[in-house]
Amino acid sequence: MLHPSYSDLMKVVNSDVEQGETPVVSSRYSIVMATSKRARQIISGEDTLVEGRDKKPLSVAVEELNQGKIKILGSE
């Protein structure tokens, strides 16, 4: 099971959105795409933004998103 949950990650990503505005993320798919893209960046050699030497790249990407170290940009 993924920890934190998808709904928790969606809350983190949408935390900067003012009430009444369209949320940046409204589906699990967006979370999956963002974390998989970041995991590929880590695999290709980019530095991690959180401690995670012994963790898999996807786990590191999820943790980075959860801590607000990476952002998902909404389409305009």
PDB file of N, CA and C in Angstrom:
ATOM      1  N   MET A   1       0.843  -1.177   0.000  1.00  0.00           N
ATOM      2  CA  MET A   1       0.000   0.000   0.000  1.00  0.00           C
ATOM      3  C   MET A   1       0.888   1.239   0.000  1.00  0.00           C
ATOM      4  N   LEU A   2       0.438   2.233  -0.703  1.00  0.00           N
ATOM      5  CA  LEU A   2       1.185   3.473  -0.819  1.00  0.00           C
ATOM      6  C   LEU A   2       0.934   4.358   0.393  1.00  0.00           C
ATOM      7  N   HIS A   3       2.027   4.784   1.020  1.00  0.00           N
ATOM      8  CA  HIS A   3       1.926   5.716   2.147  1.00  0.00           C
ATOM      9  C   HIS A   3       2.745   6.928   1.811  1.00  0.00           C
ATOM     10  N   PRO A   4       2.244   8.065   1.801  1.00  0.00           N
ATOM     11  CA  PRO A   4       0.880   8.470   2.130  1.00  0.00           C
ATOM     12  C   PRO A   4      -0.099   8.081   1.024  1.00  0.00           C
ATOM     13  N   SER A   5      -1.363   8.145   1.330  1.00  0.00           N
ATOM     14  CA  SER A   5      -2.384   7.744   0.368  1.00  0.00           C
ATOM     15  C   SER A   5      -2.525   8.780  -0.742  1.00  0.00           C
ATOM     16  N   TYR A   6      -3.185   8.375  -1.822  1.00  0.00           N
ATOM     17  CA  TYR A   6      -3.437   9.294  -2.934  1.00  0.00           C
ATOM     18  C   TYR A   6      -4.185  10.539  -2.463  1.00  0.00           C
ATOM     19  N   SER A   7      -5.177  10.340  -1.623  1.00  0.00           N
ATOM     20  CA  SER A   7      -5.963  11.490  -1.167  1.00  0.00           C
ATOM     21  C   SER A   7      -5.111  12.450  -0.338  1.00  0.00           C
ATOM     22  N   ASP A   8      -4.191  11.913   0.467  1.00  0.00           N
ATOM     23  CA  ASP A   8      -3.283  12.780   1.224  1.00  0.00           C
ATOM     24  C   ASP A   8      -2.370  13.567   0.292  1.00  0.00           C
ATOM     25  N   LEU A   9      -1.846  12.908  -0.733  1.00  0.00           N
ATOM     26  CA  LEU A   9      -0.988  13.589  -1.699  1.00  0.00           C
ATOM     27  C   LEU A   9      -1.756  14.667  -2.458  1.00  0.00           C
ATOM     28  N   MET A  10      -3.009  14.385  -2.787  1.00  0.00           N
ATOM     29  CA  MET A  10      -3.825  15.376  -3.490  1.00  0.00           C
ATOM     30  C   MET A  10      -4.042  16.610  -2.615  1.00  0.00           C
ATOM     31  N   LYS A  11      -4.223  16.405  -1.314  1.00  0.00           N
ATOM     32  CA  LYS A  11      -4.388  17.533  -0.392  1.00  0.00           C
ATOM     33  C   LYS A  11      -3.126  18.386  -0.342  1.00  0.00           C
ATOM     34  N   VAL A  12      -1.960  17.737  -0.321  1.00  0.00           N
ATOM     35  CA  VAL A  12      -0.691  18.463  -0.287  1.00  0.00           C
ATOM     36  C   VAL A  12      -0.524  19.289  -1.559  1.00  0.00           C
ATOM     37  N   VAL A  13      -0.774  18.675  -2.698  1.00  0.00           N
ATOM     38  CA  VAL A  13      -0.590  19.352  -3.986  1.00  0.00           C
ATOM     39  C   VAL A  13      -1.556  20.525  -4.122  1.00  0.00           C
ATOM     40  N   ASN A  14      -2.775  20.351  -3.649  1.00  0.00           N
ATOM     41  CA  ASN A  14      -3.803  21.386  -3.785  1.00  0.00           C
ATOM     42  C   ASN A  14      -3.841  22.354  -2.605  1.00  0.00           C
ATOM     43  N   SER A  15      -2.882  22.285  -1.701  1.00  0.00           N
ATOM     44  CA  SER A  15      -2.922  23.117  -0.498  1.00  0.00           C
ATOM     45  C   SER A  15      -2.787  24.612  -0.791  1.00  0.00           C
ATOM     46  N   ASP A  16      -2.151  24.984  -1.879  1.00  0.00           N
ATOM     47  CA  ASP A  16      -1.972  26.397  -2.216  1.00  0.00           C
ATOM     48  C   ASP A  16      -3.130  26.981  -3.021  1.00  0.00           C
ATOM     49  N   VAL A  17      -4.106  26.168  -3.361  1.00  0.00           N
ATOM     50  CA  VAL A  17      -5.231  26.614  -4.178  1.00  0.00           C
ATOM     51  C   VAL A  17      -6.254  27.334  -3.300  1.00  0.00           C
ATOM     52  N   GLU A  18      -6.621  28.524  -3.713  1.00  0.00           N
ATOM     53  CA  GLU A  18      -7.636  29.287  -2.976  1.00  0.00           C
ATOM     54  C   GLU A  18      -9.007  28.646  -3.151  1.00  0.00           C
ATOM     55  N   GLN A  19      -9.868  28.846  -2.178  1.00  0.00           N
ATOM     56  CA  GLN A  19     -11.211  28.295  -2.247  1.00  0.00           C
ATOM     57  C   GLN A  19     -11.936  28.897  -3.446  1.00  0.00           C
ATOM     58  N   GLY A  20     -12.570  28.038  -4.223  1.00  0.00           N
ATOM     59  CA  GLY A  20     -13.292  28.474  -5.411  1.00  0.00           C
ATOM     60  C   GLY A  20     -12.491  28.324  -6.690  1.00  0.00           C
ATOM     61  N   GLU A  21     -11.158  28.186  -6.579  1.00  0.00           N
ATOM     62  CA  GLU A  21     -10.321  27.971  -7.753  1.00  0.00           C
ATOM     63  C   GLU A  21     -10.310  26.490  -8.125  1.00  0.00           C
ATOM     64  N   THR A  22      -9.934  26.213  -9.362  1.00  0.00           N
ATOM     65  CA  THR A  22      -9.829  24.838  -9.825  1.00  0.00           C
ATOM     66  C   THR A  22      -8.602  24.179  -9.188  1.00  0.00           C
ATOM     67  N   PRO A  23      -8.768  22.981  -8.618  1.00  0.00           N
ATOM     68  CA  PRO A  23      -7.617  22.310  -8.015  1.00  0.00           C
ATOM     69  C   PRO A  23      -6.573  21.937  -9.068  1.00  0.00           C
ATOM     70  N   VAL A  24      -5.310  21.918  -8.663  1.00  0.00           N
ATOM     71  CA  VAL A  24      -4.225  21.546  -9.566  1.00  0.00           C
ATOM     72  C   VAL A  24      -4.372  20.083  -9.965  1.00  0.00           C
ATOM     73  N   VAL A  25      -4.705  19.250  -8.996  1.00  0.00           N
ATOM     74  CA  VAL A  25      -4.848  17.813  -9.219  1.00  0.00           C
ATOM     75  C   VAL A  25      -6.240  17.398  -8.785  1.00  0.00           C
ATOM     76  N   SER A  26      -6.918  16.673  -9.670  1.00  0.00           N
ATOM     77  CA  SER A  26      -8.254  16.203  -9.312  1.00  0.00           C
ATOM     78  C   SER A  26      -8.399  14.700  -9.526  1.00  0.00           C
ATOM     79  N   SER A  27      -7.294  14.022  -9.858  1.00  0.00           N
ATOM     80  CA  SER A  27      -7.367  12.584 -10.071  1.00  0.00           C
ATOM     81  C   SER A  27      -6.072  11.898  -9.638  1.00  0.00           C
ATOM     82  N   ARG A  28      -6.178  10.624  -9.383  1.00  0.00           N
ATOM     83  CA  ARG A  28      -5.011   9.830  -9.023  1.00  0.00           C
ATOM     84  C   ARG A  28      -4.021   9.772 -10.179  1.00  0.00           C
ATOM     85  N   TYR A  29      -4.549   9.792 -11.384  1.00  0.00           N
ATOM     86  CA  TYR A  29      -3.705   9.710 -12.580  1.00  0.00           C
ATOM     87  C   TYR A  29      -2.640  10.796 -12.570  1.00  0.00           C
ATOM     88  N   SER A  30      -2.992  12.004 -12.195  1.00  0.00           N
ATOM     89  CA  SER A  30      -2.032  13.111 -12.154  1.00  0.00           C
ATOM     90  C   SER A  30      -0.921  12.848 -11.144  1.00  0.00           C
ATOM     91  N   ILE A  31      -1.276  12.276 -10.010  1.00  0.00           N
ATOM     92  CA  ILE A  31      -0.291  11.933  -8.990  1.00  0.00           C
ATOM     93  C   ILE A  31       0.659  10.861  -9.524  1.00  0.00           C
ATOM     94  N   VAL A  32       0.102   9.840 -10.151  1.00  0.00           N
ATOM     95  CA  VAL A  32       0.906   8.745 -10.697  1.00  0.00           C
ATOM     96  C   VAL A  32       1.853   9.263 -11.772  1.00  0.00           C
ATOM     97  N   MET A  33       1.363  10.097 -12.662  1.00  0.00           N
ATOM     98  CA  MET A  33       2.205  10.626 -13.742  1.00  0.00           C
ATOM     99  C   MET A  33       3.326  11.510 -13.196  1.00  0.00           C
ATOM    100  N   ALA A  34       3.025  12.352 -12.230  1.00  0.00           N
ATOM    101  CA  ALA A  34       4.036  13.250 -11.670  1.00  0.00           C
ATOM    102  C   ALA A  34       5.115  12.476 -10.920  1.00  0.00           C
ATOM    103  N   THR A  35       4.715  11.516 -10.107  1.00  0.00           N
ATOM    104  CA  THR A  35       5.712  10.767  -9.341  1.00  0.00           C
ATOM    105  C   THR A  35       6.527   9.843 -10.240  1.00  0.00           C
ATOM    106  N   SER A  36       5.918   9.277 -11.271  1.00  0.00           N
ATOM    107  CA  SER A  36       6.693   8.419 -12.168  1.00  0.00           C
ATOM    108  C   SER A  36       7.690   9.236 -12.982  1.00  0.00           C
ATOM    109  N   LYS A  37       7.297  10.436 -13.387  1.00  0.00           N
ATOM    110  CA  LYS A  37       8.221  11.311 -14.111  1.00  0.00           C
ATOM    111  C   LYS A  37       9.405  11.681 -13.226  1.00  0.00           C
ATOM    112  N   ARG A  38       9.136  12.021 -11.974  1.00  0.00           N
ATOM    113  CA  ARG A  38      10.204  12.376 -11.042  1.00  0.00           C
ATOM    114  C   ARG A  38      11.099  11.171 -10.752  1.00  0.00           C
ATOM    115  N   ALA A  39      10.513   9.983 -10.634  1.00  0.00           N
ATOM    116  CA  ALA A  39      11.302   8.775 -10.398  1.00  0.00           C
ATOM    117  C   ALA A  39      12.252   8.521 -11.571  1.00  0.00           C
ATOM    118  N   ARG A  40      11.793   8.751 -12.793  1.00  0.00           N
ATOM    119  CA  ARG A  40      12.665   8.593 -13.962  1.00  0.00           C
ATOM    120  C   ARG A  40      13.809   9.599 -13.924  1.00  0.00           C
ATOM    121  N   GLN A  41      13.529  10.818 -13.455  1.00  0.00           N
ATOM    122  CA  GLN A  41      14.590  11.814 -13.323  1.00  0.00           C
ATOM    123  C   GLN A  41      15.635  11.364 -12.306  1.00  0.00           C
ATOM    124  N   ILE A  42      15.188  10.799 -11.212  1.00  0.00           N
ATOM    125  CA  ILE A  42      16.105  10.310 -10.175  1.00  0.00           C
ATOM    126  C   ILE A  42      16.944   9.149 -10.724  1.00  0.00           C
ATOM    127  N   ILE A  43      16.312   8.249 -11.457  1.00  0.00           N
ATOM    128  CA  ILE A  43      17.028   7.120 -12.053  1.00  0.00           C
ATOM    129  C   ILE A  43      18.100   7.608 -13.021  1.00  0.00           C
ATOM    130  N   SER A  44      17.795   8.684 -13.752  1.00  0.00           N
ATOM    131  CA  SER A  44      18.760   9.194 -14.733  1.00  0.00           C
ATOM    132  C   SER A  44      19.889   9.994 -14.093  1.00  0.00           C
ATOM    133  N   GLY A  45      19.854  10.166 -12.770  1.00  0.00           N
ATOM    134  CA  GLY A  45      20.982  10.764 -12.078  1.00  0.00           C
ATOM    135  C   GLY A  45      20.742  12.078 -11.376  1.00  0.00           C
ATOM    136  N   GLU A  46      19.531  12.624 -11.430  1.00  0.00           N
ATOM    137  CA  GLU A  46      19.273  13.880 -10.716  1.00  0.00           C
ATOM    138  C   GLU A  46      19.338  13.657  -9.202  1.00  0.00           C
ATOM    139  N   ASP A  47      19.769  14.681  -8.504  1.00  0.00           N
ATOM    140  CA  ASP A  47      19.863  14.604  -7.055  1.00  0.00           C
ATOM    141  C   ASP A  47      18.479  14.525  -6.426  1.00  0.00           C
ATOM    142  N   THR A  48      18.386  13.773  -5.329  1.00  0.00           N
ATOM    143  CA  THR A  48      17.119  13.698  -4.607  1.00  0.00           C
ATOM    144  C   THR A  48      17.002  14.903  -3.683  1.00  0.00           C
ATOM    145  N   LEU A  49      15.791  15.275  -3.368  1.00  0.00           N
ATOM    146  CA  LEU A  49      15.517  16.432  -2.529  1.00  0.00           C
ATOM    147  C   LEU A  49      15.199  16.043  -1.086  1.00  0.00           C
ATOM    148  N   VAL A  50      15.151  14.748  -0.820  1.00  0.00           N
ATOM    149  CA  VAL A  50      14.928  14.218   0.531  1.00  0.00           C
ATOM    150  C   VAL A  50      15.927  13.092   0.766  1.00  0.00           C
ATOM    151  N   GLU A  51      16.123  12.718   2.018  1.00  0.00           N
ATOM    152  CA  GLU A  51      16.985  11.583   2.324  1.00  0.00           C
ATOM    153  C   GLU A  51      16.321  10.317   1.817  1.00  0.00           C
ATOM    154  N   GLY A  52      17.055   9.532   1.077  1.00  0.00           N
ATOM    155  CA  GLY A  52      16.467   8.305   0.557  1.00  0.00           C
ATOM    156  C   GLY A  52      17.467   7.425  -0.147  1.00  0.00           C
ATOM    157  N   ARG A  53      18.634   7.299   0.416  1.00  0.00           N
ATOM    158  CA  ARG A  53      19.690   6.515  -0.227  1.00  0.00           C
ATOM    159  C   ARG A  53      19.295   5.062  -0.432  1.00  0.00           C
ATOM    160  N   ASP A  54      18.593   4.481   0.507  1.00  0.00           N
ATOM    161  CA  ASP A  54      18.248   3.068   0.427  1.00  0.00           C
ATOM    162  C   ASP A  54      16.836   2.838  -0.101  1.00  0.00           C
ATOM    163  N   LYS A  55      16.168   3.900  -0.505  1.00  0.00           N
ATOM    164  CA  LYS A  55      14.795   3.776  -0.988  1.00  0.00           C
ATOM    165  C   LYS A  55      14.775   3.681  -2.510  1.00  0.00           C
ATOM    166  N   LYS A  56      13.710   3.106  -3.016  1.00  0.00           N
ATOM    167  CA  LYS A  56      13.524   3.034  -4.460  1.00  0.00           C
ATOM    168  C   LYS A  56      13.167   4.422  -4.984  1.00  0.00           C
ATOM    169  N   PRO A  57      13.489   4.702  -6.259  1.00  0.00           N
ATOM    170  CA  PRO A  57      13.237   6.035  -6.827  1.00  0.00           C
ATOM    171  C   PRO A  57      11.776   6.488  -6.723  1.00  0.00           C
ATOM    172  N   LEU A  58      10.832   5.583  -6.893  1.00  0.00           N
ATOM    173  CA  LEU A  58       9.430   5.980  -6.797  1.00  0.00           C
ATOM    174  C   LEU A  58       9.066   6.375  -5.372  1.00  0.00           C
ATOM    175  N   SER A  59       9.589   5.659  -4.389  1.00  0.00           N
ATOM    176  CA  SER A  59       9.328   6.012  -2.994  1.00  0.00           C
ATOM    177  C   SER A  59       9.904   7.383  -2.665  1.00  0.00           C
ATOM    178  N   VAL A  60      11.084   7.673  -3.199  1.00  0.00           N
ATOM    179  CA  VAL A  60      11.698   8.986  -2.993  1.00  0.00           C
ATOM    180  C   VAL A  60      10.837  10.067  -3.640  1.00  0.00           C
ATOM    181  N   ALA A  61      10.351   9.811  -4.852  1.00  0.00           N
ATOM    182  CA  ALA A  61       9.517  10.786  -5.554  1.00  0.00           C
ATOM    183  C   ALA A  61       8.223  11.069  -4.792  1.00  0.00           C
ATOM    184  N   VAL A  62       7.611  10.039  -4.246  1.00  0.00           N
ATOM    185  CA  VAL A  62       6.386  10.215  -3.462  1.00  0.00           C
ATOM    186  C   VAL A  62       6.683  11.047  -2.216  1.00  0.00           C
ATOM    187  N   GLU A  63       7.790  10.766  -1.564  1.00  0.00           N
ATOM    188  CA  GLU A  63       8.161  11.509  -0.359  1.00  0.00           C
ATOM    189  C   GLU A  63       8.455  12.978  -0.695  1.00  0.00           C
ATOM    190  N   GLU A  64       9.113  13.227  -1.820  1.00  0.00           N
ATOM    191  CA  GLU A  64       9.380  14.600  -2.244  1.00  0.00           C
ATOM    192  C   GLU A  64       8.076  15.358  -2.474  1.00  0.00           C
ATOM    193  N   LEU A  65       7.126  14.706  -3.122  1.00  0.00           N
ATOM    194  CA  LEU A  65       5.828  15.334  -3.366  1.00  0.00           C
ATOM    195  C   LEU A  65       5.100  15.579  -2.055  1.00  0.00           C
ATOM    196  N   ASN A  66       5.129  14.619  -1.159  1.00  0.00           N
ATOM    197  CA  ASN A  66       4.440  14.746   0.120  1.00  0.00           C
ATOM    198  C   ASN A  66       5.021  15.871   0.974  1.00  0.00           C
ATOM    199  N   GLN A  67       6.331  16.079   0.897  1.00  0.00           N
ATOM    200  CA  GLN A  67       6.968  17.137   1.674  1.00  0.00           C
ATOM    201  C   GLN A  67       6.930  18.491   0.960  1.00  0.00           C
ATOM    202  N   GLY A  68       6.356  18.536  -0.218  1.00  0.00           N
ATOM    203  CA  GLY A  68       6.257  19.794  -0.943  1.00  0.00           C
ATOM    204  C   GLY A  68       7.547  20.228  -1.612  1.00  0.00           C
ATOM    205  N   LYS A  69       8.484  19.309  -1.771  1.00  0.00           N
ATOM    206  CA  LYS A  69       9.765  19.629  -2.398  1.00  0.00           C
ATOM    207  C   LYS A  69       9.632  19.749  -3.915  1.00  0.00           C
ATOM    208  N   ILE A  70       8.638  19.070  -4.491  1.00  0.00           N
ATOM    209  CA  ILE A  70       8.345  19.195  -5.915  1.00  0.00           C
ATOM    210  C   ILE A  70       6.893  19.622  -6.048  1.00  0.00           C
ATOM    211  N   LYS A  71       6.586  20.271  -7.129  1.00  0.00           N
ATOM    212  CA  LYS A  71       5.226  20.760  -7.366  1.00  0.00           C
ATOM    213  C   LYS A  71       4.700  20.207  -8.682  1.00  0.00           C
ATOM    214  N   ILE A  72       3.405  20.041  -8.756  1.00  0.00           N
ATOM    215  CA  ILE A  72       2.734  19.689  -9.995  1.00  0.00           C
ATOM    216  C   ILE A  72       2.132  20.974 -10.528  1.00  0.00           C
ATOM    217  N   LEU A  73       2.488  21.316 -11.748  1.00  0.00           N
ATOM    218  CA  LEU A  73       1.966  22.530 -12.355  1.00  0.00           C
ATOM    219  C   LEU A  73       0.662  22.233 -13.063  1.00  0.00           C
ATOM    220  N   GLY A  74      -0.337  23.037 -12.817  1.00  0.00           N
ATOM    221  CA  GLY A  74      -1.629  22.881 -13.461  1.00  0.00           C
ATOM    222  C   GLY A  74      -1.595  23.405 -14.880  1.00  0.00           C
ATOM    223  N   SER A  75      -2.463  22.869 -15.710  1.00  0.00           N
ATOM    224  CA  SER A  75      -2.560  23.361 -17.084  1.00  0.00           C
ATOM    225  C   SER A  75      -3.375  24.647 -17.090  1.00  0.00           C
ATOM    226  N   GLU A  76      -3.019  25.530 -17.953  1.00  0.00           N
ATOM    227  CA  GLU A  76      -3.721  26.821 -18.003  1.00  0.00           C
ATOM    228  C   GLU A  76      -4.425  27.015 -19.310  1.00  0.00           C
TER     229      GLU A  76
END
